[in-house]
N, C-alpha and C. Protein backbone atom coordinates (compact mmCIF):
# COMPACT_ATOMS: atom_id res chain seq x y z
N UNK A 1 106.08 106.45 84.09
CA UNK A 1 106.97 106.39 85.22
C UNK A 1 107.34 104.94 85.54
N UNK A 2 106.39 104.07 85.52
CA UNK A 2 106.64 102.68 85.88
C UNK A 2 107.63 102.04 84.92
N UNK A 3 107.45 102.25 83.62
CA UNK A 3 108.30 101.60 82.62
C UNK A 3 109.52 102.43 82.26
N UNK A 4 109.39 103.74 82.24
CA UNK A 4 110.48 104.60 81.80
C UNK A 4 111.54 104.79 82.88
N UNK A 5 111.13 105.02 84.11
CA UNK A 5 112.07 105.34 85.18
C UNK A 5 112.79 104.11 85.72
N UNK A 6 112.30 102.92 85.44
CA UNK A 6 112.90 101.68 85.96
C UNK A 6 112.93 101.68 87.50
N UNK A 7 111.83 102.12 88.06
CA UNK A 7 111.66 102.22 89.52
C UNK A 7 111.68 100.82 90.12
N UNK A 8 112.33 100.63 91.25
CA UNK A 8 112.39 99.30 91.88
C UNK A 8 111.74 99.34 93.27
N UNK A 9 111.25 98.20 93.75
CA UNK A 9 110.66 98.14 95.08
C UNK A 9 111.67 98.54 96.15
N UNK A 10 111.24 99.35 97.10
CA UNK A 10 112.11 99.81 98.17
C UNK A 10 112.83 101.11 97.88
N UNK A 11 112.70 101.63 96.66
CA UNK A 11 113.35 102.90 96.29
C UNK A 11 112.65 104.07 96.98
N UNK A 12 113.36 105.18 97.09
CA UNK A 12 112.81 106.41 97.65
C UNK A 12 112.58 107.41 96.52
N UNK A 13 111.49 108.17 96.63
CA UNK A 13 111.17 109.15 95.59
C UNK A 13 110.85 110.50 96.20
N UNK A 14 111.28 111.55 95.52
CA UNK A 14 110.91 112.92 95.87
C UNK A 14 110.08 113.46 94.72
N UNK A 15 108.91 114.01 95.03
CA UNK A 15 108.01 114.53 94.02
C UNK A 15 107.81 116.02 94.29
N UNK A 16 108.29 116.84 93.38
CA UNK A 16 108.17 118.29 93.51
C UNK A 16 106.94 118.75 92.74
N UNK A 17 105.96 119.25 93.44
CA UNK A 17 104.71 119.70 92.84
C UNK A 17 103.64 118.63 93.00
N UNK A 18 102.62 118.93 93.80
CA UNK A 18 101.61 117.93 94.12
C UNK A 18 100.26 118.22 93.48
N UNK A 19 100.31 118.65 92.22
CA UNK A 19 99.09 118.81 91.45
C UNK A 19 98.67 117.45 90.90
N UNK A 20 97.87 117.45 89.86
CA UNK A 20 97.36 116.20 89.29
C UNK A 20 98.45 115.26 88.83
N UNK A 21 99.46 115.78 88.13
CA UNK A 21 100.54 114.92 87.64
C UNK A 21 101.39 114.43 88.80
N UNK A 22 101.69 115.29 89.76
CA UNK A 22 102.46 114.88 90.93
C UNK A 22 101.78 113.78 91.72
N UNK A 23 100.46 113.86 91.84
CA UNK A 23 99.71 112.82 92.53
C UNK A 23 99.80 111.50 91.78
N UNK A 24 99.79 111.56 90.46
CA UNK A 24 99.94 110.34 89.67
C UNK A 24 101.33 109.74 89.83
N UNK A 25 102.34 110.58 89.96
CA UNK A 25 103.69 110.07 90.21
C UNK A 25 103.74 109.36 91.56
N UNK A 26 103.11 109.95 92.57
CA UNK A 26 103.05 109.32 93.89
C UNK A 26 102.36 107.97 93.78
N UNK A 27 101.27 107.93 93.07
CA UNK A 27 100.52 106.69 92.89
C UNK A 27 101.38 105.62 92.20
N UNK A 28 102.11 106.01 91.17
CA UNK A 28 102.98 105.06 90.48
C UNK A 28 104.10 104.57 91.36
N UNK A 29 104.69 105.47 92.14
CA UNK A 29 105.77 105.07 93.06
C UNK A 29 105.25 104.08 94.09
N UNK A 30 104.07 104.32 94.59
CA UNK A 30 103.48 103.40 95.57
C UNK A 30 103.18 102.04 94.93
N UNK A 31 102.67 102.07 93.70
CA UNK A 31 102.38 100.81 92.99
C UNK A 31 103.64 99.98 92.80
N UNK A 32 104.78 100.65 92.63
CA UNK A 32 106.04 99.96 92.42
C UNK A 32 106.73 99.58 93.72
N UNK A 33 106.12 99.90 94.87
CA UNK A 33 106.66 99.48 96.16
C UNK A 33 107.67 100.43 96.77
N UNK A 34 107.50 101.73 96.53
CA UNK A 34 108.42 102.72 97.10
C UNK A 34 108.44 102.64 98.61
N UNK A 35 109.61 102.87 99.19
CA UNK A 35 109.77 102.89 100.63
C UNK A 35 109.32 104.23 101.19
N UNK A 36 109.92 105.30 100.71
CA UNK A 36 109.57 106.65 101.13
C UNK A 36 109.18 107.45 99.90
N UNK A 37 108.09 108.18 100.03
CA UNK A 37 107.67 109.09 98.97
C UNK A 37 107.53 110.46 99.62
N UNK A 38 108.42 111.36 99.22
CA UNK A 38 108.48 112.70 99.81
C UNK A 38 107.86 113.69 98.84
N UNK A 39 106.79 114.33 99.27
CA UNK A 39 106.13 115.34 98.47
C UNK A 39 106.63 116.72 98.85
N UNK A 40 106.89 117.56 97.86
CA UNK A 40 107.37 118.92 98.10
C UNK A 40 106.43 119.88 97.39
N UNK A 41 105.83 120.79 98.15
CA UNK A 41 104.91 121.78 97.56
C UNK A 41 104.82 122.97 98.51
N UNK A 42 104.59 124.16 97.93
CA UNK A 42 104.46 125.37 98.74
C UNK A 42 103.04 125.56 99.26
N UNK A 43 102.11 124.75 98.78
CA UNK A 43 100.71 124.84 99.21
C UNK A 43 100.43 123.74 100.23
N UNK A 44 100.29 124.09 101.53
CA UNK A 44 100.08 123.06 102.54
C UNK A 44 98.74 122.33 102.39
N UNK A 45 97.79 122.92 101.68
CA UNK A 45 96.50 122.27 101.48
C UNK A 45 96.60 121.02 100.61
N UNK A 46 97.67 120.90 99.84
CA UNK A 46 97.85 119.74 98.96
C UNK A 46 98.34 118.51 99.72
N UNK A 47 98.78 118.70 100.94
CA UNK A 47 99.31 117.59 101.73
C UNK A 47 98.26 116.51 101.98
N UNK A 48 97.05 116.90 102.33
CA UNK A 48 96.01 115.92 102.67
C UNK A 48 95.69 115.02 101.48
N UNK A 49 95.52 115.59 100.30
CA UNK A 49 95.21 114.79 99.13
C UNK A 49 96.38 113.86 98.79
N UNK A 50 97.61 114.37 98.89
CA UNK A 50 98.78 113.55 98.57
C UNK A 50 98.90 112.38 99.55
N UNK A 51 98.51 112.58 100.79
CA UNK A 51 98.57 111.48 101.77
C UNK A 51 97.56 110.39 101.42
N UNK A 52 96.44 110.75 100.80
CA UNK A 52 95.48 109.72 100.39
C UNK A 52 96.06 108.84 99.29
N UNK A 53 97.04 109.37 98.54
CA UNK A 53 97.74 108.58 97.53
C UNK A 53 98.96 107.89 98.14
N UNK A 54 99.12 108.01 99.44
CA UNK A 54 100.13 107.34 100.25
C UNK A 54 101.52 107.95 100.18
N UNK A 55 101.57 109.29 100.08
CA UNK A 55 102.82 110.01 100.27
C UNK A 55 103.21 109.81 101.73
N UNK A 56 104.49 109.61 102.01
CA UNK A 56 104.92 109.34 103.39
C UNK A 56 105.42 110.57 104.13
N UNK A 57 106.01 111.53 103.41
CA UNK A 57 106.57 112.73 104.03
C UNK A 57 106.20 113.95 103.20
N UNK A 58 106.07 115.09 103.86
CA UNK A 58 105.72 116.33 103.17
C UNK A 58 106.71 117.42 103.58
N UNK A 59 107.17 118.17 102.60
CA UNK A 59 108.07 119.30 102.85
C UNK A 59 107.47 120.53 102.18
N UNK A 60 107.33 121.59 102.95
CA UNK A 60 106.87 122.87 102.42
C UNK A 60 108.07 123.82 102.43
N UNK A 61 108.60 124.18 101.26
CA UNK A 61 109.77 125.06 101.20
C UNK A 61 109.54 126.41 101.87
N UNK A 62 108.31 126.88 101.91
CA UNK A 62 108.04 128.16 102.57
C UNK A 62 108.19 128.06 104.08
N UNK A 63 108.02 126.87 104.64
CA UNK A 63 108.13 126.69 106.08
C UNK A 63 109.57 126.42 106.53
N UNK A 64 110.32 125.64 105.76
CA UNK A 64 111.68 125.30 106.20
C UNK A 64 112.74 126.16 105.52
N UNK A 65 112.35 126.86 104.47
CA UNK A 65 113.30 127.65 103.69
C UNK A 65 113.66 126.91 102.42
N UNK A 66 113.53 127.57 101.30
CA UNK A 66 113.79 126.93 100.00
C UNK A 66 115.20 126.38 99.91
N UNK A 67 116.15 127.01 100.60
CA UNK A 67 117.53 126.57 100.54
C UNK A 67 117.80 125.32 101.38
N UNK A 68 116.81 124.86 102.14
CA UNK A 68 117.00 123.69 103.00
C UNK A 68 116.26 122.45 102.51
N UNK A 69 115.59 122.54 101.37
CA UNK A 69 114.81 121.42 100.85
C UNK A 69 115.71 120.24 100.50
N UNK A 70 116.79 120.48 99.80
CA UNK A 70 117.71 119.40 99.39
C UNK A 70 118.26 118.69 100.62
N UNK A 71 118.68 119.44 101.61
CA UNK A 71 119.22 118.82 102.83
C UNK A 71 118.16 118.02 103.57
N UNK A 72 116.93 118.52 103.61
CA UNK A 72 115.84 117.80 104.28
C UNK A 72 115.58 116.46 103.60
N UNK A 73 115.58 116.44 102.27
CA UNK A 73 115.36 115.19 101.54
C UNK A 73 116.53 114.24 101.74
N UNK A 74 117.74 114.76 101.71
CA UNK A 74 118.93 113.94 101.92
C UNK A 74 118.89 113.30 103.31
N UNK A 75 118.47 114.07 104.31
CA UNK A 75 118.37 113.54 105.67
C UNK A 75 117.29 112.47 105.79
N UNK A 76 116.12 112.71 105.18
CA UNK A 76 115.02 111.76 105.25
C UNK A 76 115.34 110.43 104.58
N UNK A 77 116.13 110.47 103.53
CA UNK A 77 116.42 109.27 102.74
C UNK A 77 117.75 108.61 103.10
N UNK A 78 118.51 109.24 103.95
CA UNK A 78 119.81 108.67 104.32
C UNK A 78 120.84 108.76 103.22
N UNK A 79 120.85 109.86 102.49
CA UNK A 79 121.86 110.05 101.45
C UNK A 79 121.34 110.61 100.15
N UNK A 80 120.05 110.71 100.01
CA UNK A 80 119.46 111.26 98.79
C UNK A 80 118.40 110.36 98.21
N UNK A 81 117.51 110.94 97.45
CA UNK A 81 116.43 110.19 96.82
C UNK A 81 116.98 109.33 95.69
N UNK A 82 116.40 108.18 95.51
CA UNK A 82 116.77 107.33 94.38
C UNK A 82 116.21 107.90 93.08
N UNK A 83 115.03 108.50 93.17
CA UNK A 83 114.37 109.12 92.02
C UNK A 83 113.77 110.44 92.46
N UNK A 84 113.80 111.43 91.59
CA UNK A 84 113.09 112.68 91.86
C UNK A 84 112.35 113.10 90.61
N UNK A 85 111.22 113.72 90.82
CA UNK A 85 110.35 114.13 89.72
C UNK A 85 109.93 115.57 89.94
N UNK A 86 110.21 116.42 88.98
CA UNK A 86 109.79 117.82 89.04
C UNK A 86 108.52 117.98 88.21
N UNK A 87 107.44 118.31 88.85
CA UNK A 87 106.17 118.52 88.17
C UNK A 87 105.78 120.00 88.19
N UNK A 88 106.76 120.89 88.40
CA UNK A 88 106.45 122.32 88.49
C UNK A 88 106.85 123.09 87.23
N UNK A 89 107.95 122.70 86.60
CA UNK A 89 108.45 123.44 85.46
C UNK A 89 109.28 124.65 85.84
N UNK A 90 109.52 124.86 87.11
CA UNK A 90 110.32 125.97 87.60
C UNK A 90 111.79 125.57 87.58
N UNK A 91 112.64 126.41 86.99
CA UNK A 91 114.06 126.07 86.84
C UNK A 91 114.75 125.86 88.19
N UNK A 92 114.43 126.68 89.17
CA UNK A 92 115.06 126.52 90.49
C UNK A 92 114.62 125.21 91.15
N UNK A 93 113.38 124.84 90.96
CA UNK A 93 112.88 123.58 91.52
C UNK A 93 113.52 122.40 90.79
N UNK A 94 113.69 122.51 89.49
CA UNK A 94 114.34 121.45 88.73
C UNK A 94 115.75 121.22 89.26
N UNK A 95 116.43 122.28 89.59
CA UNK A 95 117.78 122.16 90.15
C UNK A 95 117.74 121.43 91.49
N UNK A 96 116.79 121.79 92.34
CA UNK A 96 116.65 121.11 93.63
C UNK A 96 116.35 119.62 93.44
N UNK A 97 115.49 119.32 92.45
CA UNK A 97 115.14 117.93 92.19
C UNK A 97 116.38 117.12 91.79
N UNK A 98 117.27 117.72 91.04
CA UNK A 98 118.50 117.04 90.66
C UNK A 98 119.45 116.92 91.85
N UNK A 99 119.60 117.99 92.61
CA UNK A 99 120.55 117.99 93.72
C UNK A 99 120.14 117.10 94.88
N UNK A 100 118.86 116.76 95.01
CA UNK A 100 118.43 115.93 96.13
C UNK A 100 118.63 114.44 95.86
N UNK A 101 119.06 114.10 94.66
CA UNK A 101 119.24 112.68 94.30
C UNK A 101 120.49 112.09 94.92
N UNK A 102 120.39 110.83 95.22
CA UNK A 102 121.54 110.07 95.68
C UNK A 102 122.56 110.06 94.55
N UNK A 103 123.83 110.17 94.87
CA UNK A 103 124.87 110.18 93.83
C UNK A 103 124.79 108.93 92.98
N UNK A 104 124.80 109.13 91.66
CA UNK A 104 124.76 108.02 90.73
C UNK A 104 123.35 107.56 90.39
N UNK A 105 122.33 108.21 90.95
CA UNK A 105 120.94 107.83 90.69
C UNK A 105 120.16 109.10 90.35
N UNK A 106 118.85 108.96 90.16
CA UNK A 106 118.00 110.13 90.03
C UNK A 106 117.31 110.27 88.72
């Protein structure tokens, strides 16, 4: 993530899926100086562990509605995430990860 994504300090990231790989993405984003790191997961129990890796915001699609995740990320970032990472492998989630990106980035 650090070398491949070309992440820059101050960028915003959305991480879909907060399992082991998602937590590593959060850690890498923080190491690179991310401004906002938004974690997205349907399991609210994963929020506490992700916060220890310094995730800044948490979105549970089951609580706000799966159709409102993209808008919530766009609102939190002021136009869309600079980078998004899908760690779920779910086609619908992959689509959300793409749609939440700032135009021209992601």
